[in-house]
Amino acid sequence: MADMEQPEEIQNQAENDPVEITDESPSMEEQLQTAISERAEAQDRFLRSQAELDNTRKRYHRELEQLQLYAAAPFIQDLLPALDNLKRASDAAENAEQVDDLKQGVEMVAKQILDVFQKHNVKAIDALGKPFDPNLHEALQQLPSDEHPAMTVTHELEQGFILNDRVVRPTKVIVSSGPAES
């Protein structure tokens, strides 16, 4: 235990050096008031940030709702000229003496609609003569066929379409069941 005692010089120096207490250091009451004030400011900043975040979320949801409501507007605007041309073809049909002219006009309108589809990443599903794919085709009937192997699309009843990589409408088809049994 004798080794743990401090030398006499250090003990005397510690006893002779008074701890300086100055009036410049804040009192406990002032420190408490400062801490309370800083806490109140932090709480206010936090509440304002929360309110700003809430307003941002509401604005985002409003904008998203508006976007969804009017997302089809460009597509519709592109289709309107085709509708106008179809109306003109219908009006011309009343006075048309040749069916070929009417047919040509309707085919032009159909091509115009397909061009609009292509512009908006809508592609027709090519089914005729292809193997039946339940992801792209809807088989309405199976018929025997000597020309086509089993499970091959022999007729398209309604054309299907894909938007980007998603099927909008499958192609309605008739599928071969293979050669007819004799």
C-alpha atoms as a PDB file:
ATOM      1  CA  MET A   1       0.000   0.000   0.000  1.00  0.00           C
ATOM      2  CA  ALA A   2       2.923   2.293   0.567  1.00  0.00           C
ATOM      3  CA  ASP A   3       3.602   2.252  -3.156  1.00  0.00           C
ATOM      4  CA  MET A   4       0.209   3.741  -3.881  1.00  0.00           C
ATOM      5  CA  GLU A   5       0.706   6.867  -1.845  1.00  0.00           C
ATOM      6  CA  GLN A   6       1.449  10.025  -3.779  1.00  0.00           C
ATOM      7  CA  PRO A   7       4.679  11.814  -3.193  1.00  0.00           C
ATOM      8  CA  GLU A   8       4.455  14.638  -0.680  1.00  0.00           C
ATOM      9  CA  GLU A   9       5.146  17.346  -3.296  1.00  0.00           C
ATOM     10  CA  ILE A  10       2.141  16.421  -5.404  1.00  0.00           C
ATOM     11  CA  GLN A  11      -0.135  16.277  -2.391  1.00  0.00           C
ATOM     12  CA  ASN A  12       0.971  19.712  -1.199  1.00  0.00           C
ATOM     13  CA  GLN A  13       0.595  21.194  -4.680  1.00  0.00           C
ATOM     14  CA  ALA A  14      -2.955  19.802  -5.019  1.00  0.00           C
ATOM     15  CA  GLU A  15      -3.912  21.229  -1.635  1.00  0.00           C
ATOM     16  CA  ASN A  16      -2.407  24.630  -2.430  1.00  0.00           C
ATOM     17  CA  ASP A  17      -3.961  25.031  -5.952  1.00  0.00           C
ATOM     18  CA  PRO A  18      -7.475  26.246  -5.467  1.00  0.00           C
ATOM     19  CA  VAL A  19     -10.051  25.289  -8.119  1.00  0.00           C
ATOM     20  CA  GLU A  20     -10.930  28.384 -10.012  1.00  0.00           C
ATOM     21  CA  ILE A  21     -14.612  29.123 -10.201  1.00  0.00           C
ATOM     22  CA  THR A  22     -15.332  32.082 -12.406  1.00  0.00           C
ATOM     23  CA  ASP A  23     -18.528  33.931 -12.907  1.00  0.00           C
ATOM     24  CA  GLU A  24     -18.101  33.443 -16.679  1.00  0.00           C
ATOM     25  CA  SER A  25     -19.245  29.814 -16.624  1.00  0.00           C
ATOM     26  CA  PRO A  26     -23.028  29.522 -16.876  1.00  0.00           C
ATOM     27  CA  SER A  27     -24.926  28.482 -13.828  1.00  0.00           C
ATOM     28  CA  MET A  28     -26.882  25.270 -13.764  1.00  0.00           C
ATOM     29  CA  GLU A  29     -30.097  27.243 -14.178  1.00  0.00           C
ATOM     30  CA  GLU A  30     -28.742  29.005 -17.288  1.00  0.00           C
ATOM     31  CA  GLN A  31     -27.495  25.718 -18.718  1.00  0.00           C
ATOM     32  CA  LEU A  32     -30.930  24.193 -18.126  1.00  0.00           C
ATOM     33  CA  GLN A  33     -32.649  27.128 -19.820  1.00  0.00           C
ATOM     34  CA  THR A  34     -30.251  26.879 -22.780  1.00  0.00           C
ATOM     35  CA  ALA A  35     -30.897  23.147 -23.110  1.00  0.00           C
ATOM     36  CA  ILE A  36     -34.672  23.681 -22.903  1.00  0.00           C
ATOM     37  CA  SER A  37     -34.453  26.397 -25.554  1.00  0.00           C
ATOM     38  CA  GLU A  38     -32.345  24.207 -27.884  1.00  0.00           C
ATOM     39  CA  ARG A  39     -34.766  21.314 -27.386  1.00  0.00           C
ATOM     40  CA  ALA A  40     -37.718  23.564 -28.261  1.00  0.00           C
ATOM     41  CA  GLU A  41     -35.935  24.741 -31.421  1.00  0.00           C
ATOM     42  CA  ALA A  42     -35.099  21.154 -32.404  1.00  0.00           C
ATOM     43  CA  GLN A  43     -38.706  20.101 -31.756  1.00  0.00           C
ATOM     44  CA  ASP A  44     -39.952  22.986 -33.906  1.00  0.00           C
ATOM     45  CA  ARG A  45     -37.557  22.054 -36.755  1.00  0.00           C
ATOM     46  CA  PHE A  46     -38.673  18.436 -36.481  1.00  0.00           C
ATOM     47  CA  LEU A  47     -42.379  19.348 -36.621  1.00  0.00           C
ATOM     48  CA  ARG A  48     -41.794  21.640 -39.594  1.00  0.00           C
ATOM     49  CA  SER A  49     -39.880  18.874 -41.396  1.00  0.00           C
ATOM     50  CA  GLN A  50     -42.712  16.432 -40.687  1.00  0.00           C
ATOM     51  CA  ALA A  51     -45.270  18.904 -42.045  1.00  0.00           C
ATOM     52  CA  GLU A  52     -43.158  19.516 -45.146  1.00  0.00           C
ATOM     53  CA  LEU A  53     -42.807  15.763 -45.711  1.00  0.00           C
ATOM     54  CA  ASP A  54     -46.566  15.317 -45.301  1.00  0.00           C
ATOM     55  CA  ASN A  55     -47.254  18.123 -47.795  1.00  0.00           C
ATOM     56  CA  THR A  56     -44.785  16.593 -50.261  1.00  0.00           C
ATOM     57  CA  ARG A  57     -46.522  13.222 -49.989  1.00  0.00           C
ATOM     58  CA  LYS A  58     -49.950  14.802 -50.561  1.00  0.00           C
ATOM     59  CA  ARG A  59     -48.659  16.751 -53.571  1.00  0.00           C
ATOM     60  CA  TYR A  60     -47.073  13.589 -54.992  1.00  0.00           C
ATOM     61  CA  HIS A  61     -50.328  11.633 -54.628  1.00  0.00           C
ATOM     62  CA  ARG A  62     -52.317  14.476 -56.226  1.00  0.00           C
ATOM     63  CA  GLU A  63     -49.907  14.635 -59.171  1.00  0.00           C
ATOM     64  CA  LEU A  64     -49.932  10.851 -59.548  1.00  0.00           C
ATOM     65  CA  GLU A  65     -53.733  10.843 -59.559  1.00  0.00           C
ATOM     66  CA  GLN A  66     -53.786  13.556 -62.240  1.00  0.00           C
ATOM     67  CA  LEU A  67     -51.222  11.669 -64.295  1.00  0.00           C
ATOM     68  CA  GLN A  68     -53.313   8.495 -64.148  1.00  0.00           C
ATOM     69  CA  LEU A  69     -56.506  10.373 -65.032  1.00  0.00           C
ATOM     70  CA  TYR A  70     -55.034  11.936 -68.159  1.00  0.00           C
ATOM     71  CA  ALA A  71     -52.366   9.407 -69.179  1.00  0.00           C
ATOM     72  CA  ALA A  72     -54.381   8.302 -72.198  1.00  0.00           C
ATOM     73  CA  ALA A  73     -54.756  11.852 -73.583  1.00  0.00           C
ATOM     74  CA  PRO A  74     -51.837  11.664 -76.075  1.00  0.00           C
ATOM     75  CA  PHE A  75     -53.070   8.281 -77.317  1.00  0.00           C
ATOM     76  CA  ILE A  76     -56.600   9.610 -77.779  1.00  0.00           C
ATOM     77  CA  GLN A  77     -55.305  12.719 -79.555  1.00  0.00           C
ATOM     78  CA  ASP A  78     -53.423  10.498 -81.974  1.00  0.00           C
ATOM     79  CA  LEU A  79     -56.509   8.339 -82.621  1.00  0.00           C
ATOM     80  CA  LEU A  80     -58.903  11.232 -83.270  1.00  0.00           C
ATOM     81  CA  PRO A  81     -57.779  11.804 -86.894  1.00  0.00           C
ATOM     82  CA  ALA A  82     -58.430   8.111 -87.608  1.00  0.00           C
ATOM     83  CA  LEU A  83     -61.910   8.457 -86.100  1.00  0.00           C
ATOM     84  CA  ASP A  84     -62.494  11.548 -88.255  1.00  0.00           C
ATOM     85  CA  ASN A  85     -61.440   9.611 -91.354  1.00  0.00           C
ATOM     86  CA  LEU A  86     -63.702   6.708 -90.411  1.00  0.00           C
ATOM     87  CA  LYS A  87     -66.613   9.156 -90.114  1.00  0.00           C
ATOM     88  CA  ARG A  88     -65.748  10.583 -93.537  1.00  0.00           C
ATOM     89  CA  ALA A  89     -65.652   7.045 -94.988  1.00  0.00           C
ATOM     90  CA  SER A  90     -69.042   6.327 -93.449  1.00  0.00           C
ATOM     91  CA  ASP A  91     -70.478   9.542 -94.908  1.00  0.00           C
ATOM     92  CA  ALA A  92     -68.948   8.734 -98.296  1.00  0.00           C
ATOM     93  CA  ALA A  93     -70.468   5.239 -98.176  1.00  0.00           C
ATOM     94  CA  GLU A  94     -73.931   6.758 -98.389  1.00  0.00           C
ATOM     95  CA  ASN A  95     -73.066   8.288-101.756  1.00  0.00           C
ATOM     96  CA  ALA A  96     -70.572   5.695-102.947  1.00  0.00           C
ATOM     97  CA  GLU A  97     -71.403   3.839-106.078  1.00  0.00           C
ATOM     98  CA  GLN A  98     -68.358   1.605-105.929  1.00  0.00           C
ATOM     99  CA  VAL A  99     -67.695  -0.622-102.976  1.00  0.00           C
ATOM    100  CA  ASP A 100     -64.003  -0.792-103.821  1.00  0.00           C
ATOM    101  CA  ASP A 101     -63.522   2.901-103.009  1.00  0.00           C
ATOM    102  CA  LEU A 102     -65.257   2.444 -99.666  1.00  0.00           C
ATOM    103  CA  LYS A 103     -63.173  -0.630 -98.905  1.00  0.00           C
ATOM    104  CA  GLN A 104     -59.979   1.229 -99.745  1.00  0.00           C
ATOM    105  CA  GLY A 105     -60.971   4.128 -97.452  1.00  0.00           C
ATOM    106  CA  VAL A 106     -61.706   1.801 -94.525  1.00  0.00           C
ATOM    107  CA  GLU A 107     -58.405  -0.027 -95.053  1.00  0.00           C
ATOM    108  CA  MET A 108     -56.582   3.301 -94.985  1.00  0.00           C
ATOM    109  CA  VAL A 109     -58.245   4.155 -91.662  1.00  0.00           C
ATOM    110  CA  ALA A 110     -57.324   0.729 -90.242  1.00  0.00           C
ATOM    111  CA  LYS A 111     -53.701   1.310 -91.272  1.00  0.00           C
ATOM    112  CA  GLN A 112     -53.800   4.743 -89.682  1.00  0.00           C
ATOM    113  CA  ILE A 113     -55.005   3.208 -86.398  1.00  0.00           C
ATOM    114  CA  LEU A 114     -52.288   0.538 -86.520  1.00  0.00           C
ATOM    115  CA  ASP A 115     -49.709   3.294 -87.078  1.00  0.00           C
ATOM    116  CA  VAL A 116     -50.971   5.079 -83.956  1.00  0.00           C
ATOM    117  CA  PHE A 117     -50.715   1.802 -82.045  1.00  0.00           C
ATOM    118  CA  GLN A 118     -47.134   1.342 -83.229  1.00  0.00           C
ATOM    119  CA  LYS A 119     -46.280   4.889 -82.183  1.00  0.00           C
ATOM    120  CA  HIS A 120     -47.490   4.036 -78.663  1.00  0.00           C
ATOM    121  CA  ASN A 121     -45.620   0.698 -78.482  1.00  0.00           C
ATOM    122  CA  VAL A 122     -48.702  -1.421 -79.170  1.00  0.00           C
ATOM    123  CA  LYS A 123     -47.861  -4.308 -81.467  1.00  0.00           C
ATOM    124  CA  ALA A 124     -50.126  -6.826 -83.144  1.00  0.00           C
ATOM    125  CA  ILE A 125     -49.554 -10.458 -82.186  1.00  0.00           C
ATOM    126  CA  ASP A 126     -48.542 -12.506 -85.220  1.00  0.00           C
ATOM    127  CA  ALA A 127     -50.371 -15.818 -84.756  1.00  0.00           C
ATOM    128  CA  LEU A 128     -51.287 -17.377 -88.109  1.00  0.00           C
ATOM    129  CA  GLY A 129     -49.233 -20.506 -88.807  1.00  0.00           C
ATOM    130  CA  LYS A 130     -47.390 -20.242 -85.483  1.00  0.00           C
ATOM    131  CA  PRO A 131     -47.443 -22.808 -82.658  1.00  0.00           C
ATOM    132  CA  PHE A 132     -50.225 -22.179 -80.149  1.00  0.00           C
ATOM    133  CA  ASP A 133     -48.980 -20.157 -77.140  1.00  0.00           C
ATOM    134  CA  PRO A 134     -51.489 -19.784 -74.272  1.00  0.00           C
ATOM    135  CA  ASN A 135     -49.658 -16.615 -73.184  1.00  0.00           C
ATOM    136  CA  LEU A 136     -50.450 -14.924 -76.513  1.00  0.00           C
ATOM    137  CA  HIS A 137     -53.441 -16.812 -77.923  1.00  0.00           C
ATOM    138  CA  GLU A 138     -56.910 -17.764 -76.802  1.00  0.00           C
ATOM    139  CA  ALA A 139     -58.058 -20.944 -78.542  1.00  0.00           C
ATOM    140  CA  LEU A 140     -61.779 -20.856 -79.277  1.00  0.00           C
ATOM    141  CA  GLN A 141     -61.873 -24.050 -81.279  1.00  0.00           C
ATOM    142  CA  GLN A 142     -59.789 -26.984 -82.509  1.00  0.00           C
ATOM    143  CA  LEU A 143     -60.249 -28.337 -85.987  1.00  0.00           C
ATOM    144  CA  PRO A 144     -58.483 -31.150 -87.819  1.00  0.00           C
ATOM    145  CA  SER A 145     -56.110 -30.000 -90.539  1.00  0.00           C
ATOM    146  CA  ASP A 146     -54.080 -31.951 -93.064  1.00  0.00           C
ATOM    147  CA  GLU A 147     -52.003 -28.830 -93.832  1.00  0.00           C
ATOM    148  CA  HIS A 148     -50.925 -27.941 -90.255  1.00  0.00           C
ATOM    149  CA  PRO A 149     -49.448 -30.031 -87.459  1.00  0.00           C
ATOM    150  CA  ALA A 150     -51.316 -30.298 -84.161  1.00  0.00           C
ATOM    151  CA  MET A 151     -51.351 -27.186 -81.929  1.00  0.00           C
ATOM    152  CA  THR A 152     -50.711 -24.784 -84.806  1.00  0.00           C
ATOM    153  CA  VAL A 153     -52.838 -21.656 -85.276  1.00  0.00           C
ATOM    154  CA  THR A 154     -54.860 -22.085 -88.472  1.00  0.00           C
ATOM    155  CA  HIS A 155     -57.226 -19.082 -88.276  1.00  0.00           C
ATOM    156  CA  GLU A 156     -57.216 -15.704 -86.516  1.00  0.00           C
ATOM    157  CA  LEU A 157     -60.703 -14.674 -85.415  1.00  0.00           C
ATOM    158  CA  GLU A 158     -59.670 -11.502 -83.512  1.00  0.00           C
ATOM    159  CA  GLN A 159     -56.242  -9.963 -83.610  1.00  0.00           C
ATOM    160  CA  GLY A 160     -54.422  -9.634 -80.285  1.00  0.00           C
ATOM    161  CA  PHE A 161     -52.121  -6.849 -79.155  1.00  0.00           C
ATOM    162  CA  ILE A 162     -49.146  -6.366 -76.844  1.00  0.00           C
ATOM    163  CA  LEU A 163     -48.312  -3.094 -75.092  1.00  0.00           C
ATOM    164  CA  ASN A 164     -44.540  -3.030 -74.508  1.00  0.00           C
ATOM    165  CA  ASP A 165     -44.156  -6.546 -73.071  1.00  0.00           C
ATOM    166  CA  ARG A 166     -47.676  -7.098 -71.685  1.00  0.00           C
ATOM    167  CA  VAL A 167     -50.554  -8.733 -73.552  1.00  0.00           C
ATOM    168  CA  VAL A 168     -53.441  -6.271 -73.808  1.00  0.00           C
ATOM    169  CA  ARG A 169     -55.650  -8.736 -75.625  1.00  0.00           C
ATOM    170  CA  PRO A 170     -54.746 -12.271 -76.693  1.00  0.00           C
ATOM    171  CA  THR A 171     -55.387 -13.277 -80.294  1.00  0.00           C
ATOM    172  CA  LYS A 172     -58.545 -15.385 -80.568  1.00  0.00           C
ATOM    173  CA  VAL A 173     -57.669 -18.334 -82.741  1.00  0.00           C
ATOM    174  CA  ILE A 174     -58.646 -21.694 -84.131  1.00  0.00           C
ATOM    175  CA  VAL A 175     -55.999 -24.348 -83.559  1.00  0.00           C
ATOM    176  CA  SER A 176     -55.225 -27.460 -85.581  1.00  0.00           C
ATOM    177  CA  SER A 177     -55.805 -30.787 -83.887  1.00  0.00           C
ATOM    178  CA  GLY A 178     -53.636 -32.491 -86.478  1.00  0.00           C
ATOM    179  CA  PRO A 179     -54.642 -34.565 -89.514  1.00  0.00           C
ATOM    180  CA  ALA A 180     -58.210 -35.853 -89.583  1.00  0.00           C
ATOM    181  CA  GLU A 181     -58.567 -39.464 -88.572  1.00  0.00           C
ATOM    182  CA  SER A 182     -59.748 -41.691 -91.380  1.00  0.00           C
END
